[in-house]
C-alpha atoms as a PDB file:
ATOM      1  CA  MET A   1      90.636 161.598  21.527  1.00  0.00           C
ATOM      2  CA  LEU A   2      88.371 159.943  19.319  1.00  0.00           C
ATOM      3  CA  ARG A   3      89.485 156.203  19.681  1.00  0.00           C
ATOM      4  CA  SER A   4      88.650 156.194  23.569  1.00  0.00           C
ATOM      5  CA  ARG A   5      85.181 157.150  22.609  1.00  0.00           C
ATOM      6  CA  LEU A   6      84.860 154.612  19.936  1.00  0.00           C
ATOM      7  CA  LEU A   7      85.835 151.800  22.334  1.00  0.00           C
ATOM      8  CA  SER A   8      83.661 152.866  25.283  1.00  0.00           C
ATOM      9  CA  THR A   9      80.996 150.317  26.785  1.00  0.00           C
ATOM     10  CA  PHE A  10      78.170 152.430  25.436  1.00  0.00           C
ATOM     11  CA  THR A  11      79.342 152.335  21.909  1.00  0.00           C
ATOM     12  CA  VAL A  12      80.422 148.547  21.999  1.00  0.00           C
ATOM     13  CA  ILE A  13      77.065 147.586  23.438  1.00  0.00           C
ATOM     14  CA  GLY A  14      75.114 150.157  21.316  1.00  0.00           C
ATOM     15  CA  ALA A  15      76.783 148.406  18.035  1.00  0.00           C
ATOM     16  CA  ILE A  16      76.144 144.923  19.272  1.00  0.00           C
ATOM     17  CA  LEU A  17      72.437 145.944  19.828  1.00  0.00           C
ATOM     18  CA  ILE A  18      72.475 147.540  16.271  1.00  0.00           C
ATOM     19  CA  VAL A  19      73.874 144.195  14.590  1.00  0.00           C
ATOM     20  CA  LEU A  20      71.360 142.104  16.510  1.00  0.00           C
ATOM     21  CA  SER A  21      68.335 144.227  15.417  1.00  0.00           C
ATOM     22  CA  ILE A  22      69.466 144.438  11.900  1.00  0.00           C
ATOM     23  CA  VAL A  23      69.683 140.371  11.967  1.00  0.00           C
ATOM     24  CA  GLY A  24      66.539 140.083  13.588  1.00  0.00           C
ATOM     25  CA  LEU A  25      64.800 142.576  10.899  1.00  0.00           C
ATOM     26  CA  ILE A  26      66.202 140.328   8.069  1.00  0.00           C
ATOM     27  CA  ILE A  27      65.442 136.765   9.766  1.00  0.00           C
ATOM     28  CA  GLY A  28      62.382 137.444  11.605  1.00  0.00           C
ATOM     29  CA  PRO A  29      60.825 138.262  14.960  1.00  0.00           C
ATOM     30  CA  ARG A  30      61.749 134.824  16.509  1.00  0.00           C
ATOM     31  CA  PHE A  31      65.498 135.833  16.509  1.00  0.00           C
ATOM     32  CA  VAL A  32      65.221 138.686  19.024  1.00  0.00           C
ATOM     33  CA  TYR A  33      63.130 138.237  21.759  1.00  0.00           C
ATOM     34  CA  ASP A  34      62.847 138.697  25.236  1.00  0.00           C
ATOM     35  CA  PRO A  35      62.452 135.614  27.418  1.00  0.00           C
ATOM     36  CA  GLY A  36      59.120 135.234  29.466  1.00  0.00           C
ATOM     37  CA  GLN A  37      57.424 138.005  27.177  1.00  0.00           C
ATOM     38  CA  PRO A  38      55.111 137.329  24.390  1.00  0.00           C
ATOM     39  CA  VAL A  39      56.650 138.050  21.024  1.00  0.00           C
ATOM     40  CA  THR A  40      54.972 141.109  19.290  1.00  0.00           C
ATOM     41  CA  GLY A  41      57.391 141.412  16.413  1.00  0.00           C
ATOM     42  CA  LYS A  42      58.745 144.974  17.437  1.00  0.00           C
ATOM     43  CA  GLU A  43      61.708 143.798  19.577  1.00  0.00           C
ATOM     44  CA  ALA A  44      64.095 144.349  16.885  1.00  0.00           C
ATOM     45  CA  TRP A  45      62.909 148.028  16.293  1.00  0.00           C
ATOM     46  CA  TYR A  46      63.291 148.482  19.824  1.00  0.00           C
ATOM     47  CA  TYR A  47      66.960 146.874  19.937  1.00  0.00           C
ATOM     48  CA  LEU A  48      67.444 149.343  17.158  1.00  0.00           C
ATOM     49  CA  ILE A  49      66.289 152.383  18.714  1.00  0.00           C
ATOM     50  CA  ILE A  50      68.143 151.572  21.937  1.00  0.00           C
ATOM     51  CA  GLY A  51      71.390 150.755  20.074  1.00  0.00           C
ATOM     52  CA  ILE A  52      71.351 154.143  18.353  1.00  0.00           C
ATOM     53  CA  LEU A  53      70.777 155.857  21.493  1.00  0.00           C
ATOM     54  CA  MET A  54      73.530 154.018  23.575  1.00  0.00           C
ATOM     55  CA  VAL A  55      76.081 154.933  20.385  1.00  0.00           C
ATOM     56  CA  VAL A  56      75.086 158.665  20.614  1.00  0.00           C
ATOM     57  CA  ASN A  57      75.319 158.502  24.410  1.00  0.00           C
ATOM     58  CA  GLY A  58      78.795 157.061  23.939  1.00  0.00           C
ATOM     59  CA  MET A  59      79.901 159.532  21.479  1.00  0.00           C
ATOM     60  CA  LEU A  60      78.731 162.493  23.714  1.00  0.00           C
ATOM     61  CA  THR A  61      80.484 161.368  26.763  1.00  0.00           C
ATOM     62  CA  PRO A  62      83.911 163.067  27.419  1.00  0.00           C
ATOM     63  CA  PRO A  63      87.008 161.159  26.762  1.00  0.00           C
ATOM     64  CA  ILE A  64      89.023 160.241  29.700  1.00  0.00           C
ATOM     65  CA  PRO A  65      91.693 162.792  30.073  1.00  0.00           C
ATOM     66  CA  GLU A  66      95.177 161.793  29.373  1.00  0.00           C
ATOM     67  CA  GLU A  67      97.701 161.369  32.035  1.00  0.00           C
ATOM     68  CA  LYS A  68     100.828 163.779  31.763  1.00  0.00           C
ATOM     69  CA  PRO A  69     104.152 162.005  31.842  1.00  0.00           C
ATOM     70  CA  VAL A  70     105.939 162.420  35.215  1.00  0.00           C
ATOM     71  CA  PRO A  71     109.256 164.136  34.400  1.00  0.00           C
ATOM     72  CA  ARG A  72     112.540 162.080  35.233  1.00  0.00           C
ATOM     73  CA  ALA A  73     115.044 163.143  38.208  1.00  0.00           C
ATOM     74  CA  GLY A  74     117.567 164.200  35.479  1.00  0.00           C
ATOM     75  CA  SER A  75     115.213 166.416  33.462  1.00  0.00           C
ATOM     76  CA  LYS A  76     115.451 170.192  33.206  1.00  0.00           C
ATOM     77  CA  SER A  77     111.810 170.796  33.682  1.00  0.00           C
ATOM     78  CA  VAL A  78     109.970 173.576  35.359  1.00  0.00           C
ATOM     79  CA  THR A  79     108.969 171.422  38.081  1.00  0.00           C
ATOM     80  CA  ALA A  80     112.389 170.115  38.554  1.00  0.00           C
ATOM     81  CA  ARG A  81     113.727 173.471  39.604  1.00  0.00           C
ATOM     82  CA  PRO A  82     115.690 173.901  42.943  1.00  0.00           C
ATOM     83  CA  GLN A  83     113.225 175.765  45.729  1.00  0.00           C
ATOM     84  CA  THR A  84     114.336 179.221  46.810  1.00  0.00           C
ATOM     85  CA  ARG A  85     114.927 179.799  50.477  1.00  0.00           C
ATOM     86  CA  GLU A  86     111.404 181.472  50.762  1.00  0.00           C
ATOM     87  CA  THR A  87     109.716 178.453  49.726  1.00  0.00           C
ATOM     88  CA  ALA A  88     111.891 176.087  51.505  1.00  0.00           C
ATOM     89  CA  VAL A  89     111.224 177.435  55.042  1.00  0.00           C
ATOM     90  CA  SER A  90     109.501 175.124  57.369  1.00  0.00           C
ATOM     91  CA  THR A  91     106.161 175.818  59.338  1.00  0.00           C
ATOM     92  CA  ALA A  92     108.676 175.437  62.566  1.00  0.00           C
ATOM     93  CA  GLU A  93     110.999 178.374  61.574  1.00  0.00           C
ATOM     94  CA  LYS A  94     107.976 180.465  60.446  1.00  0.00           C
ATOM     95  CA  SER A  95     106.266 179.968  64.070  1.00  0.00           C
ATOM     96  CA  SER A  96     109.728 180.532  65.829  1.00  0.00           C
ATOM     97  CA  GLU A  97     110.221 183.991  64.297  1.00  0.00           C
END
């Protein structure tokens, strides 16, 4: 299911980083910076590369498997068939034989 891949944490954070990097490339190096670090002007490029890698990682991650619906008590599914005598024998009966 493609929808769960697009809404994974990796793709959402990657998309945010890509948007921040594009705005940083347009506005200038003072928009995207790491506090306490000297501004080099390459931070927007780093954000762009990391954002693309996160989106690719999110797309390559397998989707969460969908849960199969549990059949209702009145439905005639394969799992709701009555058990035969052989499968209903308890372990106590087997040990007494």
